[in-house]
Amino acid sequence: MHTLYDFKDAGQQTVYVKTVDVADLPKDVQAGAGDRKHFYAVHDAEGGQLALVADRRLAFVLARQNDFTPVPVH
């Protein structure tokens, strides 16, 4: 069975949480990173960054508080 399904209409918005190396971020963000090596980015299904936070758990909580379903990106 090959039926297309538009997940946007499912009433449940998925976002993706991934680890971001501080070294890959803009210089102004790096300057405020302190001794952190990683941040956690929350992205929508199209790849747009919605948030950047210092803690993985916070990324998931933030997503859920905004009615998103977070999933990790490995």
Protein backbone atom coordinates (compact mmCIF):
# COMPACT_ATOMS: atom_id res chain seq x y z
CA MET A 1 0.00 0.00 0.00
CA HIS A 2 1.52 3.28 -1.09
CA THR A 3 -0.73 6.09 0.07
CA LEU A 4 0.75 9.53 0.52
CA TYR A 5 0.06 11.06 3.90
CA ASP A 6 0.52 14.74 4.72
CA PHE A 7 1.87 14.71 8.27
CA LYS A 8 1.24 18.46 8.60
CA ASP A 9 -2.46 17.65 8.96
CA ALA A 10 -1.92 15.08 11.68
CA GLY A 11 -2.30 17.65 14.46
CA GLN A 12 1.06 16.67 15.84
CA GLN A 13 4.09 18.71 14.84
CA THR A 14 7.41 16.95 15.00
CA VAL A 15 10.63 18.81 15.68
CA TYR A 16 14.14 17.44 15.68
CA VAL A 17 16.74 17.92 18.42
CA LYS A 18 20.36 17.65 17.39
CA THR A 19 23.73 18.34 18.92
CA VAL A 20 25.61 21.32 17.48
CA ASP A 21 29.33 21.87 18.03
CA VAL A 22 30.05 25.34 19.41
CA ALA A 23 32.93 25.61 16.91
CA ASP A 24 30.35 25.47 14.07
CA LEU A 25 28.33 28.40 15.40
CA PRO A 26 28.78 32.11 14.58
CA LYS A 27 31.57 33.89 16.46
CA ASP A 28 29.16 35.96 18.59
CA VAL A 29 27.45 32.78 19.82
CA GLN A 30 30.81 31.13 20.44
CA ALA A 31 31.85 34.11 22.57
CA GLY A 32 28.90 33.54 24.90
CA ALA A 33 29.31 29.78 25.10
CA GLY A 34 31.77 29.79 27.98
CA ASP A 35 33.41 26.38 28.33
CA ARG A 36 30.60 24.50 26.55
CA LYS A 37 31.55 22.27 23.64
CA HIS A 38 27.99 21.63 22.40
CA PHE A 39 24.58 23.23 22.20
CA TYR A 40 21.30 21.62 21.18
CA ALA A 41 19.28 22.90 18.25
CA VAL A 42 15.57 22.37 17.71
CA HIS A 43 14.63 22.20 14.02
CA ASP A 44 11.32 21.99 12.21
CA ALA A 45 10.58 19.41 9.52
CA GLU A 46 11.92 21.70 6.78
CA GLY A 47 15.25 22.10 8.62
CA GLY A 48 14.64 25.59 9.96
CA GLN A 49 16.21 26.22 13.35
CA LEU A 50 13.60 27.13 15.94
CA ALA A 51 15.79 27.28 19.05
CA LEU A 52 19.33 26.85 20.30
CA VAL A 53 19.77 25.86 23.94
CA ALA A 54 22.60 24.74 26.20
CA ASP A 55 20.96 21.61 27.59
CA ARG A 56 19.50 18.58 25.77
CA ARG A 57 16.77 18.08 28.33
CA LEU A 58 15.79 21.74 28.02
CA ALA A 59 15.47 21.33 24.24
CA PHE A 60 12.92 18.54 24.72
CA VAL A 61 11.02 20.41 27.44
CA LEU A 62 10.92 23.58 25.32
CA ALA A 63 9.54 21.65 22.35
CA ARG A 64 6.83 19.97 24.42
CA GLN A 65 5.82 23.24 26.09
CA ASN A 66 5.18 24.62 22.62
CA ASP A 67 3.04 21.65 21.57
CA PHE A 68 5.71 19.98 19.45
CA THR A 69 6.79 16.34 19.54
CA PRO A 70 10.58 16.25 19.79
CA VAL A 71 12.67 13.44 18.39
CA PRO A 72 16.45 13.12 18.58
CA VAL A 73 18.68 13.24 15.52
CA HIS A 74 21.64 10.89 15.76
